[in-house]
Amino acid sequence: MQEKGIRWRALKAAFPNTIPIFAGFCFLGMAYGIYMNVSGFSFWYPMLMSMTIFGGSLEFVAVSMLLGAFAPLQTLLVTLMVQARHLFYGIAMLDRFKGLGWKRIYLIFGMCDETFSINYSAKIPEGVDRGWFMFFVTLLNQMYWVLGATLGGILGSYLKFDTEGLDFVMTAMFIVIFLDQWLKEKKHYTALIGLLVSVVCLLGFGADSFMIPTMIGVLCFLTLFRKPIEKAGGFS
């Protein structure tokens, strides 16, 4: 009974933090499910892919991979490019995942942009178990995405409209997340570093190859200037 109480308190604390993600993921998930449907896939594909891959941007890219020629090496490289940012998320969460036992395995699997943002920055209420809080944040966010993708896959058969540009919704979501973080920060040093490094790498490496250099550059700059930024309140 005590363990159930611990889990219930963590769930109640986690749910309000995921409400904005619920709204976004249901819409984006449905857009993804519809996109898969109009591309010729039944609703089973978006449902199973959202459960096993759970990487929104990668799932959108996977549609063209499934429709293209069999190219396992290219698929591996594209996957690494698209999801490379998760390596840096993992580095940032190393301390927070210590001592969480089996929950750590699911937390690593289910860590997406939005879940990372909540678990990294949320102020967990006193008396709420940290591990269960992060677990439920991760689980709820994935449930929202699976629900949206499945509904989109089903409804896509009945909706007839021009779907051109539908794959842009993930880009729009990232812009919203960036603006939300910008508004929360008192100082914008980290955001400005990210923008500057992104522009330089985009100009230097091109649109198809700038992601990994950008992540490495941001990591190097934040590591090098961490203490000055902390003193200035840039990580608040």
C-alpha atoms as a PDB file:
ATOM      1  CA  MET A   1       0.000   0.000   0.000  1.00  0.00           C
ATOM      2  CA  GLN A   2       2.853   2.367   0.807  1.00  0.00           C
ATOM      3  CA  GLU A   3       4.404   1.789  -2.629  1.00  0.00           C
ATOM      4  CA  LYS A   4       1.049   2.491  -4.279  1.00  0.00           C
ATOM      5  CA  GLY A   5       0.826   5.742  -2.354  1.00  0.00           C
ATOM      6  CA  ILE A   6       4.296   6.765  -3.528  1.00  0.00           C
ATOM      7  CA  ARG A   7       3.387   6.044  -7.152  1.00  0.00           C
ATOM      8  CA  TRP A   8       0.040   7.849  -6.876  1.00  0.00           C
ATOM      9  CA  ARG A   9       1.637  11.011  -5.444  1.00  0.00           C
ATOM     10  CA  ALA A  10       4.235  10.960  -8.211  1.00  0.00           C
ATOM     11  CA  LEU A  11       1.540  10.536 -10.878  1.00  0.00           C
ATOM     12  CA  LYS A  12      -0.514  13.432  -9.491  1.00  0.00           C
ATOM     13  CA  ALA A  13       2.590  15.630  -9.426  1.00  0.00           C
ATOM     14  CA  ALA A  14       3.709  14.611 -12.924  1.00  0.00           C
ATOM     15  CA  PHE A  15       0.393  14.936 -14.775  1.00  0.00           C
ATOM     16  CA  PRO A  16      -0.017  18.753 -14.608  1.00  0.00           C
ATOM     17  CA  ASN A  17       3.473  19.171 -16.074  1.00  0.00           C
ATOM     18  CA  THR A  18       2.485  17.082 -19.105  1.00  0.00           C
ATOM     19  CA  ILE A  19      -0.789  18.837 -19.973  1.00  0.00           C
ATOM     20  CA  PRO A  20       0.854  21.192 -22.534  1.00  0.00           C
ATOM     21  CA  ILE A  21       2.585  18.158 -24.069  1.00  0.00           C
ATOM     22  CA  PHE A  22      -0.772  16.351 -24.257  1.00  0.00           C
ATOM     23  CA  ALA A  23      -2.202  19.123 -26.434  1.00  0.00           C
ATOM     24  CA  GLY A  24       0.862  19.232 -28.666  1.00  0.00           C
ATOM     25  CA  PHE A  25       1.447  15.496 -28.948  1.00  0.00           C
ATOM     26  CA  CYS A  26      -2.180  14.656 -29.737  1.00  0.00           C
ATOM     27  CA  PHE A  27      -2.170  17.124 -32.621  1.00  0.00           C
ATOM     28  CA  LEU A  28       1.315  16.229 -33.856  1.00  0.00           C
ATOM     29  CA  GLY A  29       0.668  12.517 -33.404  1.00  0.00           C
ATOM     30  CA  MET A  30      -2.540  12.760 -35.409  1.00  0.00           C
ATOM     31  CA  ALA A  31      -0.701  14.688 -38.121  1.00  0.00           C
ATOM     32  CA  TYR A  32       1.892  11.906 -38.221  1.00  0.00           C
ATOM     33  CA  GLY A  33      -0.765   9.180 -38.325  1.00  0.00           C
ATOM     34  CA  ILE A  34      -2.603  10.946 -41.161  1.00  0.00           C
ATOM     35  CA  TYR A  35       0.679  11.455 -43.004  1.00  0.00           C
ATOM     36  CA  MET A  36       1.408   7.713 -42.734  1.00  0.00           C
ATOM     37  CA  ASN A  37      -2.100   6.854 -43.908  1.00  0.00           C
ATOM     38  CA  VAL A  38      -2.021   9.062 -47.007  1.00  0.00           C
ATOM     39  CA  SER A  39       1.399   7.550 -47.762  1.00  0.00           C
ATOM     40  CA  GLY A  40      -0.237   4.130 -48.007  1.00  0.00           C
ATOM     41  CA  PHE A  41       0.231   2.619 -44.531  1.00  0.00           C
ATOM     42  CA  SER A  42      -2.509   1.227 -42.292  1.00  0.00           C
ATOM     43  CA  PHE A  43      -2.982   2.565 -38.764  1.00  0.00           C
ATOM     44  CA  TRP A  44      -0.933  -0.331 -37.339  1.00  0.00           C
ATOM     45  CA  TYR A  45       2.252   1.258 -38.647  1.00  0.00           C
ATOM     46  CA  PRO A  46       2.026   4.615 -36.834  1.00  0.00           C
ATOM     47  CA  MET A  47       0.716   2.884 -33.714  1.00  0.00           C
ATOM     48  CA  LEU A  48       3.569   0.353 -33.499  1.00  0.00           C
ATOM     49  CA  MET A  49       6.227   2.843 -34.588  1.00  0.00           C
ATOM     50  CA  SER A  50       5.131   5.360 -31.949  1.00  0.00           C
ATOM     51  CA  MET A  51       5.377   2.611 -29.330  1.00  0.00           C
ATOM     52  CA  THR A  52       8.787   1.265 -30.369  1.00  0.00           C
ATOM     53  CA  ILE A  53      10.647   4.207 -31.953  1.00  0.00           C
ATOM     54  CA  PHE A  54       9.041   7.101 -30.058  1.00  0.00           C
ATOM     55  CA  GLY A  55      11.039   9.746 -31.874  1.00  0.00           C
ATOM     56  CA  GLY A  56       8.687  12.214 -33.535  1.00  0.00           C
ATOM     57  CA  SER A  57      11.042  13.766 -36.069  1.00  0.00           C
ATOM     58  CA  LEU A  58      12.583  10.381 -36.885  1.00  0.00           C
ATOM     59  CA  GLU A  59       9.148   8.823 -37.364  1.00  0.00           C
ATOM     60  CA  PHE A  60       8.284  11.488 -39.942  1.00  0.00           C
ATOM     61  CA  VAL A  61      11.582  10.829 -41.728  1.00  0.00           C
ATOM     62  CA  ALA A  62      10.972   7.057 -41.509  1.00  0.00           C
ATOM     63  CA  VAL A  63       7.965   7.403 -43.823  1.00  0.00           C
ATOM     64  CA  SER A  64      10.200   8.276 -46.777  1.00  0.00           C
ATOM     65  CA  MET A  65      12.666   5.556 -45.714  1.00  0.00           C
ATOM     66  CA  LEU A  66       9.935   2.922 -45.811  1.00  0.00           C
ATOM     67  CA  LEU A  67       8.823   4.109 -49.247  1.00  0.00           C
ATOM     68  CA  GLY A  68      12.366   4.256 -50.630  1.00  0.00           C
ATOM     69  CA  ALA A  69      14.857   1.599 -51.654  1.00  0.00           C
ATOM     70  CA  PHE A  70      16.341  -0.788 -49.078  1.00  0.00           C
ATOM     71  CA  ALA A  71      19.407   1.043 -47.705  1.00  0.00           C
ATOM     72  CA  PRO A  72      20.281  -0.065 -44.159  1.00  0.00           C
ATOM     73  CA  LEU A  73      23.547   1.902 -43.903  1.00  0.00           C
ATOM     74  CA  GLN A  74      21.924   5.126 -45.090  1.00  0.00           C
ATOM     75  CA  THR A  75      19.033   4.539 -42.701  1.00  0.00           C
ATOM     76  CA  LEU A  76      21.463   4.094 -39.797  1.00  0.00           C
ATOM     77  CA  LEU A  77      23.348   7.292 -40.644  1.00  0.00           C
ATOM     78  CA  VAL A  78      20.161   9.328 -41.060  1.00  0.00           C
ATOM     79  CA  THR A  79      18.846   7.990 -37.763  1.00  0.00           C
ATOM     80  CA  LEU A  80      22.049   8.988 -35.985  1.00  0.00           C
ATOM     81  CA  MET A  81      21.933  12.451 -37.542  1.00  0.00           C
ATOM     82  CA  VAL A  82      18.302  13.071 -36.641  1.00  0.00           C
ATOM     83  CA  GLN A  83      18.523  11.729 -33.096  1.00  0.00           C
ATOM     84  CA  ALA A  84      22.092  12.780 -32.264  1.00  0.00           C
ATOM     85  CA  ARG A  85      20.842  15.449 -29.856  1.00  0.00           C
ATOM     86  CA  HIS A  86      19.661  12.679 -27.512  1.00  0.00           C
ATOM     87  CA  LEU A  87      23.307  11.871 -26.774  1.00  0.00           C
ATOM     88  CA  PHE A  88      23.620  15.290 -25.175  1.00  0.00           C
ATOM     89  CA  TYR A  89      20.315  14.904 -23.357  1.00  0.00           C
ATOM     90  CA  GLY A  90      21.657  11.674 -21.884  1.00  0.00           C
ATOM     91  CA  ILE A  91      24.857  13.346 -20.693  1.00  0.00           C
ATOM     92  CA  ALA A  92      22.807  16.047 -18.967  1.00  0.00           C
ATOM     93  CA  MET A  93      20.624  13.436 -17.220  1.00  0.00           C
ATOM     94  CA  LEU A  94      23.389  11.132 -15.947  1.00  0.00           C
ATOM     95  CA  ASP A  95      23.202  12.395 -12.368  1.00  0.00           C
ATOM     96  CA  ARG A  96      19.402  12.453 -12.295  1.00  0.00           C
ATOM     97  CA  PHE A  97      19.141   8.820 -13.439  1.00  0.00           C
ATOM     98  CA  LYS A  98      21.523   7.468 -10.787  1.00  0.00           C
ATOM     99  CA  GLY A  99      20.058   4.957  -8.373  1.00  0.00           C
ATOM    100  CA  LEU A 100      16.725   4.561 -10.162  1.00  0.00           C
ATOM    101  CA  GLY A 101      17.071   0.823 -10.835  1.00  0.00           C
ATOM    102  CA  TRP A 102      14.900  -0.651 -13.586  1.00  0.00           C
ATOM    103  CA  LYS A 103      13.098   2.654 -14.154  1.00  0.00           C
ATOM    104  CA  ARG A 104      16.287   4.054 -15.658  1.00  0.00           C
ATOM    105  CA  ILE A 105      15.975   1.680 -18.634  1.00  0.00           C
ATOM    106  CA  TYR A 106      12.579   3.071 -19.609  1.00  0.00           C
ATOM    107  CA  LEU A 107      13.632   6.650 -18.870  1.00  0.00           C
ATOM    108  CA  ILE A 108      16.524   6.286 -21.318  1.00  0.00           C
ATOM    109  CA  PHE A 109      14.273   4.767 -23.994  1.00  0.00           C
ATOM    110  CA  GLY A 110      11.460   7.280 -23.574  1.00  0.00           C
ATOM    111  CA  MET A 111      13.518  10.474 -23.340  1.00  0.00           C
ATOM    112  CA  CYS A 112      12.320  12.832 -26.071  1.00  0.00           C
ATOM    113  CA  ASP A 113      12.769  16.599 -26.342  1.00  0.00           C
ATOM    114  CA  GLU A 114       9.676  17.468 -24.347  1.00  0.00           C
ATOM    115  CA  THR A 115      10.219  14.824 -21.666  1.00  0.00           C
ATOM    116  CA  PHE A 116      13.817  15.917 -21.235  1.00  0.00           C
ATOM    117  CA  SER A 117      12.713  19.520 -20.847  1.00  0.00           C
ATOM    118  CA  ILE A 118      10.266  18.607 -18.054  1.00  0.00           C
ATOM    119  CA  ASN A 119      12.454  16.111 -16.197  1.00  0.00           C
ATOM    120  CA  TYR A 120      15.493  18.358 -16.357  1.00  0.00           C
ATOM    121  CA  SER A 121      13.868  21.604 -15.254  1.00  0.00           C
ATOM    122  CA  ALA A 122      10.756  20.661 -13.241  1.00  0.00           C
ATOM    123  CA  LYS A 123      10.716  21.439  -9.522  1.00  0.00           C
ATOM    124  CA  ILE A 124       9.568  18.164  -7.987  1.00  0.00           C
ATOM    125  CA  PRO A 125       7.321  18.772  -4.943  1.00  0.00           C
ATOM    126  CA  GLU A 126       8.683  17.792  -1.559  1.00  0.00           C
ATOM    127  CA  GLY A 127       7.704  14.243  -0.602  1.00  0.00           C
ATOM    128  CA  VAL A 128       7.343  13.076  -4.225  1.00  0.00           C
ATOM    129  CA  ASP A 129       9.670  10.298  -5.343  1.00  0.00           C
ATOM    130  CA  ARG A 130      12.024  11.648  -8.025  1.00  0.00           C
ATOM    131  CA  GLY A 131      12.290   8.368  -9.941  1.00  0.00           C
ATOM    132  CA  TRP A 132       8.549   7.772 -10.140  1.00  0.00           C
ATOM    133  CA  PHE A 133       7.926  11.416 -11.057  1.00  0.00           C
ATOM    134  CA  MET A 134      10.254  11.201 -14.071  1.00  0.00           C
ATOM    135  CA  PHE A 135       8.874   7.764 -14.946  1.00  0.00           C
ATOM    136  CA  PHE A 136       5.289   9.020 -15.112  1.00  0.00           C
ATOM    137  CA  VAL A 137       6.267  12.140 -17.060  1.00  0.00           C
ATOM    138  CA  THR A 138       7.910   9.861 -19.626  1.00  0.00           C
ATOM    139  CA  LEU A 139       5.068   7.334 -19.680  1.00  0.00           C
ATOM    140  CA  LEU A 140       2.308   9.940 -19.992  1.00  0.00           C
ATOM    141  CA  ASN A 141       4.089  11.741 -22.826  1.00  0.00           C
ATOM    142  CA  GLN A 142       4.541   8.511 -24.767  1.00  0.00           C
ATOM    143  CA  MET A 143       0.892   7.586 -24.193  1.00  0.00           C
ATOM    144  CA  TYR A 144      -0.158  10.938 -25.656  1.00  0.00           C
ATOM    145  CA  TRP A 145       1.985  10.363 -28.738  1.00  0.00           C
ATOM    146  CA  VAL A 146       0.769   6.783 -29.249  1.00  0.00           C
ATOM    147  CA  LEU A 147      -2.851   7.931 -28.864  1.00  0.00           C
ATOM    148  CA  GLY A 148      -2.464  10.755 -31.366  1.00  0.00           C
ATOM    149  CA  ALA A 149      -0.599   8.623 -33.916  1.00  0.00           C
ATOM    150  CA  THR A 150      -3.156   5.806 -33.695  1.00  0.00           C
ATOM    151  CA  LEU A 151      -6.133   8.158 -34.026  1.00  0.00           C
ATOM    152  CA  GLY A 152      -4.474   9.888 -36.968  1.00  0.00           C
ATOM    153  CA  GLY A 153      -3.844   6.549 -38.664  1.00  0.00           C
ATOM    154  CA  ILE A 154      -7.497   5.593 -38.252  1.00  0.00           C
ATOM    155  CA  LEU A 155      -9.020   8.971 -39.142  1.00  0.00           C
ATOM    156  CA  GLY A 156      -6.723   9.420 -42.114  1.00  0.00           C
ATOM    157  CA  SER A 157      -8.851   6.970 -44.083  1.00  0.00           C
ATOM    158  CA  TYR A 158     -11.888   9.209 -43.688  1.00  0.00           C
ATOM    159  CA  LEU A 159     -10.318  12.647 -44.112  1.00  0.00           C
ATOM    160  CA  LYS A 160      -9.855  13.992 -47.610  1.00  0.00           C
ATOM    161  CA  PHE A 161      -7.738  17.142 -47.806  1.00  0.00           C
ATOM    162  CA  ASP A 162      -4.421  18.374 -49.126  1.00  0.00           C
ATOM    163  CA  THR A 163      -1.689  17.107 -46.763  1.00  0.00           C
ATOM    164  CA  GLU A 164       1.169  19.027 -48.364  1.00  0.00           C
ATOM    165  CA  GLY A 165       3.349  20.563 -45.653  1.00  0.00           C
ATOM    166  CA  LEU A 166       1.940  18.314 -42.925  1.00  0.00           C
ATOM    167  CA  ASP A 167       5.446  17.097 -42.032  1.00  0.00           C
ATOM    168  CA  PHE A 168       6.343  20.685 -41.000  1.00  0.00           C
ATOM    169  CA  VAL A 169       4.466  20.297 -37.700  1.00  0.00           C
ATOM    170  CA  MET A 170       7.555  18.892 -35.933  1.00  0.00           C
ATOM    171  CA  THR A 171       9.568  21.957 -36.904  1.00  0.00           C
ATOM    172  CA  ALA A 172       6.775  24.139 -35.561  1.00  0.00           C
ATOM    173  CA  MET A 173       6.814  22.177 -32.290  1.00  0.00           C
ATOM    174  CA  PHE A 174      10.561  22.725 -31.843  1.00  0.00           C
ATOM    175  CA  ILE A 175      10.095  26.453 -32.404  1.00  0.00           C
ATOM    176  CA  VAL A 176       7.399  26.557 -29.726  1.00  0.00           C
ATOM    177  CA  ILE A 177       9.622  24.651 -27.273  1.00  0.00           C
ATOM    178  CA  PHE A 178      12.491  27.062 -27.933  1.00  0.00           C
ATOM    179  CA  LEU A 179      10.258  30.088 -27.370  1.00  0.00           C
ATOM    180  CA  ASP A 180       8.900  28.560 -24.167  1.00  0.00           C
ATOM    181  CA  GLN A 181      12.429  28.030 -22.836  1.00  0.00           C
ATOM    182  CA  TRP A 182      13.363  31.577 -23.933  1.00  0.00           C
ATOM    183  CA  LEU A 183      10.489  33.048 -21.931  1.00  0.00           C
ATOM    184  CA  LYS A 184      11.386  30.981 -18.854  1.00  0.00           C
ATOM    185  CA  GLU A 185      15.046  32.051 -18.826  1.00  0.00           C
ATOM    186  CA  LYS A 186      16.069  35.240 -17.045  1.00  0.00           C
ATOM    187  CA  LYS A 187      19.237  35.400 -19.121  1.00  0.00           C
ATOM    188  CA  HIS A 188      19.459  34.148 -22.689  1.00  0.00           C
ATOM    189  CA  TYR A 189      23.130  33.241 -22.920  1.00  0.00           C
ATOM    190  CA  THR A 190      22.561  29.531 -23.603  1.00  0.00           C
ATOM    191  CA  ALA A 191      19.873  30.197 -26.217  1.00  0.00           C
ATOM    192  CA  LEU A 192      22.050  32.759 -27.992  1.00  0.00           C
ATOM    193  CA  ILE A 193      24.996  30.359 -27.996  1.00  0.00           C
ATOM    194  CA  GLY A 194      22.757  27.699 -29.534  1.00  0.00           C
ATOM    195  CA  LEU A 195      21.493  30.069 -32.204  1.00  0.00           C
ATOM    196  CA  LEU A 196      24.953  31.394 -33.082  1.00  0.00           C
ATOM    197  CA  VAL A 197      26.550  27.943 -33.308  1.00  0.00           C
ATOM    198  CA  SER A 198      23.593  26.659 -35.368  1.00  0.00           C
ATOM    199  CA  VAL A 199      23.891  29.483 -37.909  1.00  0.00           C
ATOM    200  CA  VAL A 200      27.667  29.074 -38.232  1.00  0.00           C
ATOM    201  CA  CYS A 201      27.407  25.299 -38.684  1.00  0.00           C
ATOM    202  CA  LEU A 202      24.517  25.673 -41.120  1.00  0.00           C
ATOM    203  CA  LEU A 203      26.581  28.003 -43.281  1.00  0.00           C
ATOM    204  CA  GLY A 204      29.698  25.859 -42.930  1.00  0.00           C
ATOM    205  CA  PHE A 205      28.306  22.323 -43.292  1.00  0.00           C
ATOM    206  CA  GLY A 206      25.022  22.799 -45.135  1.00  0.00           C
ATOM    207  CA  ALA A 207      21.441  21.932 -44.224  1.00  0.00           C
ATOM    208  CA  ASP A 208      21.986  18.165 -44.508  1.00  0.00           C
ATOM    209  CA  SER A 209      25.052  17.890 -42.260  1.00  0.00           C
ATOM    210  CA  PHE A 210      24.981  20.670 -39.673  1.00  0.00           C
ATOM    211  CA  MET A 211      23.155  18.898 -36.799  1.00  0.00           C
ATOM    212  CA  ILE A 212      26.017  16.922 -35.225  1.00  0.00           C
ATOM    213  CA  PRO A 213      28.625  19.730 -35.585  1.00  0.00           C
ATOM    214  CA  THR A 214      26.081  22.066 -33.987  1.00  0.00           C
ATOM    215  CA  MET A 215      25.551  19.765 -31.010  1.00  0.00           C
ATOM    216  CA  ILE A 216      29.295  19.310 -30.532  1.00  0.00           C
ATOM    217  CA  GLY A 217      29.858  23.053 -30.800  1.00  0.00           C
ATOM    218  CA  VAL A 218      27.101  23.885 -28.301  1.00  0.00           C
ATOM    219  CA  LEU A 219      28.467  21.282 -25.863  1.00  0.00           C
ATOM    220  CA  CYS A 220      31.994  22.694 -26.156  1.00  0.00           C
ATOM    221  CA  PHE A 221      30.881  26.301 -25.651  1.00  0.00           C
ATOM    222  CA  LEU A 222      28.625  25.485 -22.696  1.00  0.00           C
ATOM    223  CA  THR A 223      31.368  23.399 -21.080  1.00  0.00           C
ATOM    224  CA  LEU A 224      33.991  26.092 -21.649  1.00  0.00           C
ATOM    225  CA  PHE A 225      31.833  28.974 -20.409  1.00  0.00           C
ATOM    226  CA  ARG A 226      29.766  27.093 -17.848  1.00  0.00           C
ATOM    227  CA  LYS A 227      31.087  28.901 -14.767  1.00  0.00           C
ATOM    228  CA  PRO A 228      30.747  32.438 -16.189  1.00  0.00           C
ATOM    229  CA  ILE A 229      27.226  31.648 -17.401  1.00  0.00           C
ATOM    230  CA  GLU A 230      26.250  30.181 -14.030  1.00  0.00           C
ATOM    231  CA  LYS A 231      27.575  33.260 -12.221  1.00  0.00           C
ATOM    232  CA  ALA A 232      25.547  35.462 -14.550  1.00  0.00           C
ATOM    233  CA  GLY A 233      22.412  33.367 -13.960  1.00  0.00           C
ATOM    234  CA  GLY A 234      22.285  32.035 -17.501  1.00  0.00           C
ATOM    235  CA  PHE A 235      21.252  28.510 -16.516  1.00  0.00           C
ATOM    236  CA  SER A 236      18.210  29.620 -14.485  1.00  0.00           C
END
